[in-house]
Structures are given as structure tokens and as C-alpha cells.
N, C-alpha and C. Protein backbone atom coordinates (compact mmCIF):
# COMPACT_ATOMS: atom_id res chain seq x y z
N MET A 1 -21.61 -48.77 36.97
CA MET A 1 -20.63 -49.57 37.68
C MET A 1 -21.20 -49.91 39.07
N GLU A 2 -21.04 -51.13 39.47
CA GLU A 2 -21.54 -51.57 40.77
C GLU A 2 -20.66 -51.04 41.90
N ILE A 3 -21.22 -51.04 43.10
CA ILE A 3 -20.51 -50.50 44.27
C ILE A 3 -19.24 -51.31 44.55
N ASP A 4 -19.32 -52.65 44.45
CA ASP A 4 -18.13 -53.48 44.70
C ASP A 4 -17.02 -53.16 43.69
N GLU A 5 -17.40 -52.92 42.44
CA GLU A 5 -16.41 -52.58 41.42
C GLU A 5 -15.77 -51.22 41.72
N GLU A 6 -16.60 -50.26 42.18
CA GLU A 6 -16.06 -48.94 42.50
C GLU A 6 -15.12 -49.00 43.70
N ILE A 7 -15.43 -49.84 44.67
CA ILE A 7 -14.54 -49.99 45.83
C ILE A 7 -13.23 -50.66 45.40
N ALA A 8 -13.31 -51.63 44.51
CA ALA A 8 -12.09 -52.26 43.98
C ALA A 8 -11.27 -51.25 43.19
N LYS A 9 -11.95 -50.39 42.42
CA LYS A 9 -11.27 -49.35 41.66
C LYS A 9 -10.62 -48.33 42.60
N LEU A 10 -11.29 -48.02 43.70
CA LEU A 10 -10.73 -47.12 44.71
C LEU A 10 -9.43 -47.71 45.29
N ASP A 11 -9.46 -49.00 45.58
CA ASP A 11 -8.27 -49.67 46.10
C ASP A 11 -7.12 -49.60 45.08
N GLU A 12 -7.43 -49.84 43.83
CA GLU A 12 -6.43 -49.76 42.76
C GLU A 12 -5.88 -48.33 42.63
N ASN A 13 -6.77 -47.34 42.68
CA ASN A 13 -6.34 -45.94 42.59
C ASN A 13 -5.48 -45.53 43.77
N LEU A 14 -5.76 -46.07 44.96
CA LEU A 14 -4.91 -45.78 46.12
C LEU A 14 -3.51 -46.35 45.93
N ARG A 15 -3.42 -47.56 45.41
CA ARG A 15 -2.10 -48.15 45.12
C ARG A 15 -1.36 -47.32 44.08
N ARG A 16 -2.06 -46.92 43.04
CA ARG A 16 -1.46 -46.10 41.98
C ARG A 16 -1.00 -44.75 42.55
N LEU A 17 -1.83 -44.16 43.40
CA LEU A 17 -1.49 -42.87 44.01
C LEU A 17 -0.22 -42.97 44.85
N LYS A 18 -0.09 -44.05 45.59
CA LYS A 18 1.10 -44.26 46.40
C LYS A 18 2.35 -44.35 45.52
N ILE A 19 2.24 -45.08 44.42
CA ILE A 19 3.37 -45.22 43.48
C ILE A 19 3.70 -43.89 42.83
N GLU A 20 2.68 -43.15 42.41
CA GLU A 20 2.90 -41.87 41.74
C GLU A 20 3.52 -40.84 42.69
N TYR A 21 3.11 -40.86 43.96
CA TYR A 21 3.73 -39.95 44.92
C TYR A 21 5.19 -40.31 45.15
N GLU A 22 5.51 -41.60 45.23
CA GLU A 22 6.90 -42.01 45.40
C GLU A 22 7.74 -41.55 44.20
N ALA A 23 7.18 -41.69 43.01
CA ALA A 23 7.89 -41.22 41.81
C ALA A 23 8.10 -39.72 41.87
N TYR A 24 7.11 -38.99 42.34
CA TYR A 24 7.22 -37.53 42.44
C TYR A 24 8.28 -37.14 43.46
N PHE A 25 8.24 -37.74 44.64
CA PHE A 25 9.19 -37.37 45.69
C PHE A 25 10.61 -37.80 45.36
N ASN A 26 10.77 -38.83 44.54
CA ASN A 26 12.12 -39.28 44.16
C ASN A 26 12.61 -38.61 42.89
N GLY A 27 11.86 -37.66 42.36
CA GLY A 27 12.31 -36.89 41.21
C GLY A 27 11.94 -37.47 39.86
N GLY A 28 11.17 -38.55 39.82
CA GLY A 28 10.79 -39.16 38.55
C GLY A 28 9.67 -38.45 37.82
N LYS A 29 8.88 -37.67 38.55
CA LYS A 29 7.79 -36.92 37.95
C LYS A 29 7.89 -35.46 38.38
N PRO A 30 7.60 -34.55 37.46
CA PRO A 30 7.75 -33.14 37.79
C PRO A 30 6.62 -32.57 38.65
N ARG A 31 5.43 -33.18 38.62
CA ARG A 31 4.29 -32.66 39.36
C ARG A 31 3.63 -33.73 40.21
N PRO A 32 2.97 -33.32 41.30
CA PRO A 32 2.24 -34.31 42.10
C PRO A 32 1.09 -34.92 41.31
N PRO A 33 0.62 -36.09 41.68
CA PRO A 33 -0.42 -36.80 40.91
C PRO A 33 -1.84 -36.26 41.19
N ASN A 34 -2.12 -35.05 40.78
CA ASN A 34 -3.40 -34.40 41.08
C ASN A 34 -4.60 -35.11 40.47
N ASP A 35 -4.46 -35.68 39.28
CA ASP A 35 -5.60 -36.36 38.65
C ASP A 35 -6.00 -37.62 39.42
N THR A 36 -5.05 -38.36 39.92
CA THR A 36 -5.35 -39.55 40.71
C THR A 36 -5.95 -39.16 42.06
N ILE A 37 -5.44 -38.08 42.65
CA ILE A 37 -6.01 -37.58 43.91
C ILE A 37 -7.48 -37.24 43.70
N TYR A 38 -7.78 -36.58 42.58
CA TYR A 38 -9.17 -36.20 42.29
C TYR A 38 -10.07 -37.43 42.19
N ARG A 39 -9.60 -38.47 41.49
CA ARG A 39 -10.40 -39.69 41.35
C ARG A 39 -10.66 -40.35 42.71
N VAL A 40 -9.63 -40.42 43.54
CA VAL A 40 -9.77 -41.04 44.86
C VAL A 40 -10.73 -40.23 45.73
N GLU A 41 -10.52 -38.92 45.78
CA GLU A 41 -11.36 -38.09 46.63
C GLU A 41 -12.82 -38.04 46.16
N THR A 42 -13.05 -38.11 44.86
CA THR A 42 -14.41 -38.15 44.33
C THR A 42 -15.14 -39.41 44.79
N THR A 43 -14.47 -40.53 44.72
CA THR A 43 -15.07 -41.79 45.17
C THR A 43 -15.29 -41.77 46.68
N LEU A 44 -14.34 -41.23 47.43
CA LEU A 44 -14.51 -41.16 48.88
C LEU A 44 -15.71 -40.29 49.25
N LYS A 45 -15.88 -39.17 48.57
CA LYS A 45 -17.01 -38.29 48.85
C LYS A 45 -18.34 -38.95 48.47
N LYS A 46 -18.32 -39.69 47.38
CA LYS A 46 -19.55 -40.32 46.88
C LYS A 46 -20.13 -41.29 47.91
N TYR A 47 -19.27 -42.05 48.57
CA TYR A 47 -19.74 -43.08 49.50
C TYR A 47 -19.49 -42.74 50.96
N SER A 48 -19.14 -41.52 51.27
CA SER A 48 -18.78 -41.17 52.64
C SER A 48 -19.94 -41.26 53.63
N ASP A 49 -21.17 -41.09 53.16
CA ASP A 49 -22.29 -41.19 54.10
C ASP A 49 -22.61 -42.63 54.47
N GLY A 50 -22.22 -43.60 53.63
CA GLY A 50 -22.38 -45.01 53.93
C GLY A 50 -23.78 -45.56 53.75
N SER A 51 -24.72 -44.74 53.32
CA SER A 51 -26.11 -45.21 53.22
C SER A 51 -26.33 -46.19 52.08
N LYS A 52 -25.54 -46.12 51.04
CA LYS A 52 -25.70 -47.00 49.88
C LYS A 52 -24.96 -48.34 50.04
N LEU A 53 -24.20 -48.46 51.11
CA LEU A 53 -23.30 -49.61 51.26
C LEU A 53 -23.88 -50.66 52.21
N SER A 54 -23.59 -51.91 51.89
CA SER A 54 -23.92 -53.00 52.82
C SER A 54 -22.88 -53.00 53.94
N PHE A 55 -23.06 -53.83 54.95
CA PHE A 55 -22.14 -53.87 56.06
C PHE A 55 -20.72 -54.22 55.59
N GLY A 56 -20.58 -55.24 54.76
CA GLY A 56 -19.27 -55.66 54.25
C GLY A 56 -18.62 -54.58 53.39
N GLN A 57 -19.43 -53.95 52.53
CA GLN A 57 -18.90 -52.88 51.68
C GLN A 57 -18.46 -51.69 52.52
N ARG A 58 -19.26 -51.35 53.54
CA ARG A 58 -18.93 -50.22 54.40
C ARG A 58 -17.61 -50.49 55.15
N PHE A 59 -17.42 -51.73 55.61
CA PHE A 59 -16.19 -52.10 56.29
C PHE A 59 -14.99 -51.91 55.37
N ARG A 60 -15.08 -52.44 54.15
CA ARG A 60 -13.97 -52.31 53.17
C ARG A 60 -13.72 -50.86 52.81
N PHE A 61 -14.81 -50.10 52.59
CA PHE A 61 -14.70 -48.69 52.24
C PHE A 61 -14.01 -47.91 53.37
N ASN A 62 -14.39 -48.16 54.63
CA ASN A 62 -13.79 -47.47 55.76
C ASN A 62 -12.31 -47.80 55.90
N GLN A 63 -11.94 -49.06 55.59
CA GLN A 63 -10.51 -49.43 55.59
C GLN A 63 -9.74 -48.58 54.57
N LEU A 64 -10.29 -48.47 53.37
CA LEU A 64 -9.62 -47.71 52.32
C LEU A 64 -9.58 -46.22 52.64
N ALA A 65 -10.67 -45.70 53.21
CA ALA A 65 -10.71 -44.28 53.59
C ALA A 65 -9.66 -43.99 54.66
N GLN A 66 -9.50 -44.89 55.61
CA GLN A 66 -8.50 -44.71 56.65
C GLN A 66 -7.08 -44.80 56.08
N LYS A 67 -6.88 -45.74 55.18
CA LYS A 67 -5.58 -45.88 54.52
C LYS A 67 -5.23 -44.59 53.78
N TYR A 68 -6.20 -44.03 53.07
CA TYR A 68 -5.97 -42.78 52.35
C TYR A 68 -5.66 -41.64 53.33
N ALA A 69 -6.39 -41.56 54.43
CA ALA A 69 -6.17 -40.49 55.40
C ALA A 69 -4.76 -40.54 55.98
N VAL A 70 -4.28 -41.74 56.29
CA VAL A 70 -2.93 -41.89 56.85
C VAL A 70 -1.88 -41.49 55.81
N HIS A 71 -2.02 -42.02 54.60
CA HIS A 71 -1.05 -41.70 53.55
C HIS A 71 -1.12 -40.23 53.16
N ASN A 72 -2.33 -39.67 53.10
CA ASN A 72 -2.48 -38.27 52.71
C ASN A 72 -1.76 -37.35 53.70
N ASP A 73 -1.83 -37.67 54.98
CA ASP A 73 -1.13 -36.88 55.98
C ASP A 73 0.38 -36.95 55.77
N LEU A 74 0.87 -38.15 55.50
CA LEU A 74 2.30 -38.34 55.23
C LEU A 74 2.73 -37.56 53.98
N TRP A 75 1.93 -37.67 52.91
CA TRP A 75 2.27 -36.98 51.66
C TRP A 75 2.23 -35.46 51.84
N ARG A 76 1.27 -34.99 52.63
CA ARG A 76 1.17 -33.55 52.88
C ARG A 76 2.43 -33.05 53.58
N LYS A 77 2.92 -33.81 54.57
CA LYS A 77 4.14 -33.42 55.29
C LYS A 77 5.36 -33.45 54.37
N ARG A 78 5.47 -34.50 53.56
CA ARG A 78 6.61 -34.59 52.64
C ARG A 78 6.57 -33.49 51.58
N LEU A 79 5.37 -33.15 51.13
CA LEU A 79 5.21 -32.08 50.15
C LEU A 79 5.63 -30.75 50.75
N LYS A 80 5.26 -30.52 52.00
CA LYS A 80 5.65 -29.29 52.70
C LYS A 80 7.18 -29.24 52.84
N ASP A 81 7.79 -30.37 53.22
CA ASP A 81 9.25 -30.42 53.32
C ASP A 81 9.91 -30.12 51.98
N LYS A 82 9.34 -30.67 50.91
CA LYS A 82 9.92 -30.44 49.59
C LYS A 82 9.81 -28.97 49.19
N GLU A 83 8.65 -28.37 49.46
CA GLU A 83 8.45 -26.97 49.11
C GLU A 83 9.35 -26.05 49.92
N GLU A 84 9.60 -26.41 51.17
CA GLU A 84 10.43 -25.58 52.04
C GLU A 84 11.90 -25.96 51.98
N GLY A 85 12.24 -27.04 51.27
CA GLY A 85 13.63 -27.45 51.12
C GLY A 85 14.24 -28.03 52.37
N ARG A 86 13.45 -28.76 53.14
CA ARG A 86 13.96 -29.37 54.36
C ARG A 86 14.22 -30.86 54.14
N GLY A 87 14.96 -31.44 55.08
CA GLY A 87 15.23 -32.87 55.03
C GLY A 87 16.07 -33.23 53.82
N ARG A 88 15.74 -34.36 53.19
CA ARG A 88 16.52 -34.82 52.04
C ARG A 88 16.32 -33.93 50.83
N PHE A 89 15.25 -33.13 50.80
CA PHE A 89 15.02 -32.21 49.69
C PHE A 89 15.91 -30.98 49.80
N GLY A 90 16.48 -30.73 50.97
CA GLY A 90 17.37 -29.59 51.15
C GLY A 90 18.68 -29.77 50.41
N ALA A 91 19.10 -31.01 50.20
CA ALA A 91 20.35 -31.26 49.47
C ALA A 91 20.24 -30.78 48.04
N VAL A 92 19.08 -30.93 47.43
CA VAL A 92 18.88 -30.47 46.05
C VAL A 92 18.98 -28.95 46.00
N LYS A 93 18.35 -28.27 46.95
CA LYS A 93 18.44 -26.81 46.98
C LYS A 93 19.87 -26.36 47.22
N HIS A 94 20.62 -27.11 48.06
CA HIS A 94 22.00 -26.76 48.34
C HIS A 94 22.85 -26.82 47.07
N GLN A 95 22.61 -27.82 46.22
CA GLN A 95 23.35 -27.94 44.96
C GLN A 95 23.05 -26.77 44.03
N GLU A 96 21.80 -26.29 44.04
CA GLU A 96 21.40 -25.22 43.15
C GLU A 96 21.76 -23.84 43.69
N LYS A 97 22.23 -23.77 44.92
CA LYS A 97 22.49 -22.49 45.55
C LYS A 97 23.53 -21.67 44.80
N GLY A 98 24.48 -22.34 44.13
CA GLY A 98 25.52 -21.63 43.40
C GLY A 98 24.96 -20.71 42.34
N VAL A 99 23.98 -21.16 41.58
CA VAL A 99 23.39 -20.32 40.54
C VAL A 99 22.57 -19.22 41.17
N LYS A 100 21.83 -19.53 42.23
CA LYS A 100 21.00 -18.51 42.88
C LYS A 100 21.87 -17.40 43.46
N ALA A 101 23.03 -17.75 43.98
CA ALA A 101 23.90 -16.75 44.58
C ALA A 101 24.64 -15.95 43.52
N GLY A 102 24.49 -16.29 42.27
CA GLY A 102 25.14 -15.55 41.20
C GLY A 102 26.44 -16.18 40.73
N GLY A 103 26.95 -17.15 41.47
CA GLY A 103 28.19 -17.81 41.08
C GLY A 103 27.91 -18.92 40.08
N PRO A 104 28.87 -19.21 39.23
CA PRO A 104 28.65 -20.28 38.26
C PRO A 104 28.67 -21.67 38.90
N VAL A 105 27.93 -22.58 38.32
CA VAL A 105 27.97 -23.98 38.70
C VAL A 105 28.85 -24.67 37.67
N ARG A 106 29.86 -25.36 38.16
CA ARG A 106 30.82 -26.02 37.26
C ARG A 106 30.72 -27.53 37.42
N VAL A 107 30.70 -28.21 36.28
CA VAL A 107 30.64 -29.67 36.27
C VAL A 107 31.65 -30.16 35.25
N VAL A 108 32.51 -31.11 35.66
CA VAL A 108 33.51 -31.69 34.77
C VAL A 108 33.01 -33.05 34.31
N CYS A 109 32.96 -33.24 32.98
CA CYS A 109 32.48 -34.50 32.39
C CYS A 109 33.53 -35.06 31.45
N SER A 110 33.67 -36.37 31.48
CA SER A 110 34.50 -37.03 30.48
C SER A 110 33.62 -37.95 29.62
N ASP A 111 32.60 -38.56 30.24
CA ASP A 111 31.67 -39.44 29.53
C ASP A 111 30.26 -39.27 30.12
N PRO A 112 29.45 -38.36 29.57
CA PRO A 112 28.13 -38.08 30.13
C PRO A 112 27.19 -39.28 30.21
N GLU A 113 27.37 -40.28 29.33
CA GLU A 113 26.51 -41.46 29.39
C GLU A 113 26.71 -42.23 30.69
N LYS A 114 27.93 -42.21 31.23
CA LYS A 114 28.23 -42.93 32.46
C LYS A 114 28.13 -42.03 33.70
N GLU A 115 28.08 -40.72 33.50
CA GLU A 115 28.05 -39.76 34.62
C GLU A 115 26.69 -39.07 34.68
N LYS A 116 25.66 -39.86 34.88
CA LYS A 116 24.29 -39.34 34.88
C LYS A 116 24.05 -38.33 36.00
N ASP A 117 24.69 -38.53 37.17
CA ASP A 117 24.50 -37.60 38.27
C ASP A 117 25.04 -36.22 37.93
N LYS A 118 26.15 -36.16 37.20
CA LYS A 118 26.71 -34.88 36.79
C LYS A 118 25.82 -34.18 35.77
N VAL A 119 25.25 -34.97 34.84
CA VAL A 119 24.33 -34.40 33.85
C VAL A 119 23.09 -33.87 34.55
N GLU A 120 22.61 -34.60 35.55
CA GLU A 120 21.43 -34.15 36.31
C GLU A 120 21.73 -32.86 37.08
N GLN A 121 22.90 -32.78 37.68
CA GLN A 121 23.30 -31.57 38.40
C GLN A 121 23.40 -30.39 37.43
N LEU A 122 23.94 -30.63 36.26
CA LEU A 122 24.06 -29.60 35.24
C LEU A 122 22.68 -29.14 34.76
N MET A 123 21.77 -30.10 34.59
CA MET A 123 20.42 -29.75 34.15
C MET A 123 19.70 -28.91 35.21
N LYS A 124 19.85 -29.25 36.48
CA LYS A 124 19.22 -28.47 37.54
C LYS A 124 19.76 -27.05 37.56
N ALA A 125 21.07 -26.91 37.39
CA ALA A 125 21.67 -25.57 37.35
C ALA A 125 21.17 -24.80 36.12
N TRP A 126 21.04 -25.49 34.99
CA TRP A 126 20.54 -24.91 33.74
C TRP A 126 19.12 -24.37 33.97
N ILE A 127 18.27 -25.19 34.57
CA ILE A 127 16.87 -24.81 34.82
C ILE A 127 16.81 -23.60 35.75
N GLU A 128 17.58 -23.63 36.83
CA GLU A 128 17.56 -22.53 37.79
C GLU A 128 18.06 -21.24 37.15
N ALA A 129 19.10 -21.32 36.35
CA ALA A 129 19.62 -20.13 35.68
C ALA A 129 18.61 -19.58 34.68
N LYS A 130 17.97 -20.46 33.92
CA LYS A 130 16.95 -20.02 32.96
C LYS A 130 15.78 -19.34 33.68
N ARG A 131 15.36 -19.92 34.80
CA ARG A 131 14.27 -19.32 35.58
C ARG A 131 14.67 -17.94 36.11
N GLN A 132 15.91 -17.84 36.52
CA GLN A 132 16.40 -16.61 37.10
C GLN A 132 16.36 -15.45 36.10
N VAL A 133 16.58 -15.75 34.82
CA VAL A 133 16.54 -14.68 33.81
C VAL A 133 15.15 -14.56 33.17
N GLY A 134 14.19 -15.36 33.63
CA GLY A 134 12.81 -15.24 33.17
C GLY A 134 12.47 -16.05 31.94
N GLU A 135 13.29 -17.02 31.58
CA GLU A 135 13.00 -17.87 30.42
C GLU A 135 12.18 -19.09 30.85
N ARG A 136 11.40 -19.62 29.92
CA ARG A 136 10.56 -20.79 30.20
C ARG A 136 11.42 -22.05 30.22
N VAL A 137 11.09 -22.97 31.14
CA VAL A 137 11.84 -24.21 31.26
C VAL A 137 10.93 -25.43 31.35
N ASP A 138 9.63 -25.24 31.19
CA ASP A 138 8.70 -26.35 31.39
C ASP A 138 8.78 -27.42 30.30
N GLY A 139 9.36 -27.15 29.15
CA GLY A 139 9.42 -28.14 28.09
C GLY A 139 10.75 -28.87 28.00
N LEU A 140 11.60 -28.76 29.02
CA LEU A 140 12.93 -29.37 28.97
C LEU A 140 12.84 -30.87 29.24
N ASP A 141 13.26 -31.65 28.26
CA ASP A 141 13.23 -33.11 28.38
C ASP A 141 14.60 -33.59 28.89
N PRO A 142 14.63 -34.33 30.00
CA PRO A 142 15.91 -34.80 30.55
C PRO A 142 16.72 -35.64 29.57
N ASN A 143 16.06 -36.48 28.78
CA ASN A 143 16.78 -37.31 27.80
C ASN A 143 17.39 -36.45 26.70
N ALA A 144 16.64 -35.46 26.24
CA ALA A 144 17.16 -34.57 25.20
C ALA A 144 18.33 -33.75 25.75
N PHE A 145 18.23 -33.32 27.00
CA PHE A 145 19.32 -32.57 27.61
C PHE A 145 20.56 -33.44 27.74
N ALA A 146 20.39 -34.70 28.12
CA ALA A 146 21.53 -35.62 28.23
C ALA A 146 22.20 -35.81 26.87
N ARG A 147 21.39 -35.94 25.81
CA ARG A 147 21.97 -36.06 24.46
C ARG A 147 22.73 -34.79 24.07
N PHE A 148 22.15 -33.63 24.42
CA PHE A 148 22.79 -32.34 24.14
C PHE A 148 24.16 -32.26 24.82
N VAL A 149 24.22 -32.62 26.11
CA VAL A 149 25.47 -32.57 26.85
C VAL A 149 26.47 -33.57 26.27
N SER A 150 25.99 -34.73 25.87
CA SER A 150 26.87 -35.74 25.28
C SER A 150 27.47 -35.23 23.97
N GLU A 151 26.64 -34.62 23.12
CA GLU A 151 27.14 -34.07 21.85
C GLU A 151 28.13 -32.95 22.09
N LYS A 152 27.82 -32.05 23.02
CA LYS A 152 28.71 -30.93 23.32
C LYS A 152 30.04 -31.42 23.89
N THR A 153 29.99 -32.49 24.69
CA THR A 153 31.22 -33.06 25.23
C THR A 153 32.10 -33.60 24.11
N LYS A 154 31.49 -34.34 23.19
CA LYS A 154 32.25 -34.88 22.05
C LYS A 154 32.85 -33.77 21.20
N GLN A 155 32.05 -32.74 20.93
CA GLN A 155 32.53 -31.61 20.13
C GLN A 155 33.69 -30.90 20.82
N ALA A 156 33.54 -30.64 22.13
CA ALA A 156 34.58 -29.94 22.87
C ALA A 156 35.86 -30.77 22.96
N LYS A 157 35.72 -32.07 23.16
CA LYS A 157 36.90 -32.94 23.20
C LYS A 157 37.66 -32.90 21.89
N ALA A 158 36.90 -32.93 20.79
CA ALA A 158 37.54 -32.91 19.47
C ALA A 158 38.19 -31.55 19.18
N SER A 159 37.48 -30.47 19.45
CA SER A 159 38.00 -29.15 19.09
C SER A 159 39.09 -28.65 20.05
N LEU A 160 38.99 -29.02 21.33
CA LEU A 160 39.96 -28.55 22.31
C LEU A 160 41.09 -29.55 22.54
N GLY A 161 40.94 -30.77 22.06
CA GLY A 161 41.97 -31.79 22.22
C GLY A 161 42.19 -32.19 23.67
N CYS A 162 41.10 -32.48 24.37
CA CYS A 162 41.21 -32.83 25.79
C CYS A 162 40.40 -34.10 26.08
N HIS A 163 40.55 -34.61 27.32
CA HIS A 163 39.82 -35.81 27.72
C HIS A 163 38.61 -35.48 28.60
N LYS A 164 38.66 -34.32 29.25
CA LYS A 164 37.56 -33.90 30.12
C LYS A 164 37.13 -32.49 29.74
N VAL A 165 35.80 -32.24 29.88
CA VAL A 165 35.24 -30.94 29.54
C VAL A 165 34.57 -30.37 30.79
N GLN A 166 34.85 -29.11 31.06
CA GLN A 166 34.19 -28.43 32.19
C GLN A 166 33.07 -27.56 31.66
N PHE A 167 31.86 -27.86 32.09
CA PHE A 167 30.70 -27.05 31.74
C PHE A 167 30.43 -26.09 32.88
N SER A 168 30.08 -24.86 32.53
CA SER A 168 29.70 -23.91 33.57
C SER A 168 28.39 -23.25 33.18
N VAL A 169 27.52 -23.10 34.17
CA VAL A 169 26.23 -22.45 34.00
C VAL A 169 26.21 -21.28 34.95
N SER A 170 25.90 -20.09 34.42
CA SER A 170 25.86 -18.92 35.27
C SER A 170 24.89 -17.89 34.72
N VAL A 171 24.63 -16.90 35.53
CA VAL A 171 23.83 -15.75 35.12
C VAL A 171 24.73 -14.53 35.29
N GLU A 172 25.03 -13.87 34.18
CA GLU A 172 25.91 -12.70 34.21
C GLU A 172 25.19 -11.53 33.55
N ASP A 173 25.10 -10.44 34.27
CA ASP A 173 24.41 -9.24 33.78
C ASP A 173 22.99 -9.54 33.33
N GLY A 174 22.31 -10.41 34.05
CA GLY A 174 20.92 -10.75 33.73
C GLY A 174 20.76 -11.65 32.53
N LYS A 175 21.86 -12.26 32.06
CA LYS A 175 21.80 -13.14 30.90
C LYS A 175 22.30 -14.53 31.27
N PHE A 176 21.68 -15.55 30.67
CA PHE A 176 22.04 -16.94 30.88
C PHE A 176 23.31 -17.25 30.10
N LYS A 177 24.28 -17.88 30.78
CA LYS A 177 25.54 -18.26 30.13
C LYS A 177 25.79 -19.75 30.34
N PHE A 178 26.14 -20.43 29.24
CA PHE A 178 26.49 -21.85 29.28
C PHE A 178 27.78 -22.01 28.51
N LYS A 179 28.83 -22.48 29.18
CA LYS A 179 30.15 -22.57 28.55
C LYS A 179 30.72 -23.96 28.70
N ALA A 180 31.49 -24.37 27.71
CA ALA A 180 32.25 -25.63 27.76
C ALA A 180 33.71 -25.29 27.56
N GLU A 181 34.56 -25.72 28.51
CA GLU A 181 36.00 -25.40 28.47
C GLU A 181 36.81 -26.65 28.72
N LYS A 182 38.07 -26.58 28.35
CA LYS A 182 39.01 -27.68 28.59
C LYS A 182 39.24 -27.83 30.09
N ALA A 183 39.16 -29.07 30.58
CA ALA A 183 39.31 -29.32 32.02
C ALA A 183 40.60 -30.05 32.36
N ASP A 184 41.36 -30.50 31.42
CA ASP A 184 42.59 -31.27 31.70
C ASP A 184 43.66 -30.38 32.25
């Protein structure tokens, strides 16, 4: 691959990295984009001495390296905030605090397809409770969980004869508990 092509690929990878980090920080991806970071940093290290580059290539490369340095600093700060639960990431930890404190998290649903935020809150509580009792949660698919909650809501409405169902997630005596009750 020619140097100009690699610099163009570096620019494309930087754009992709920015998009992947936004998806990660907004909750769309479970992990940071480590593979894209590796590709970008490998290319930056390869040409960092500048001896293989012409003047124009070196100028473009330095622009991209500076762009990466600025964004990398921003991402590092946001990642630290997310890990420590500060800023806008603190609201997520606050919602999950009920399960951590041992109290149940309760969510009332009437139509899970239209109440995606409630299903998401329930899933976060489910994950935290499962982690608390030492069960694995890495294979939980959000779409499958939404279908599960939808089916359980329909079943509970039919069997309990109600319009709304209250789900509760808790840890009792070191065991994970998930309950559906009449909420009307």
C-alpha cells in the first residue's frame, strides 16, 4: 500500500473511531473501540519519524496526528468520567443504586414495545443483580430481553387480568429474584 493510501486510510479510521466512541459513550456499544484504536496508533507509530514522507504527506500526517491527540485526550477524560460515574454517566449509576443497596428495582409496564426506557431500566437492574450474585451477563442481548419482557407482560396481563404489570428485580439472600405482579 502506498503512503498516500495509508494516510487516507488513517483519516478514514479516525472518522470511524470518532463514531465508534460516540456509540460507546451513548450506550450503543458495550466496549470501547480497541481494534480501531490499535489500527490508528499502529499507523501513527509507523510514520511518526517522518523520514519516509514528502513535505505534503508530512503536513497531512501531522494534521491527522494532532486531530487524534486532541480527540484521544477528550475520549480519555470521558472514559474516566464513565468509569467513575461522574457527569451524565452518574445518572445511570443512580438508577442502578437500588439493586446495589439491596432494595428491589420496580418498573411498571403496560406496553413494553412503546416503553423502551422502562425496558432498558429493567435490563440494567437485571444485569446488576445478576452480577451481584456472581452470574455471567456478557451474553445478554437487549432485543432478546425486550422480547422476553414483552412476552412476560402479555402472560401476566392474561393470567392476572390487569392492564399494567409491575416487574421487580432484587437480590434476596444472595439469590437473584425477578417477579411480575399486578400493578392496577
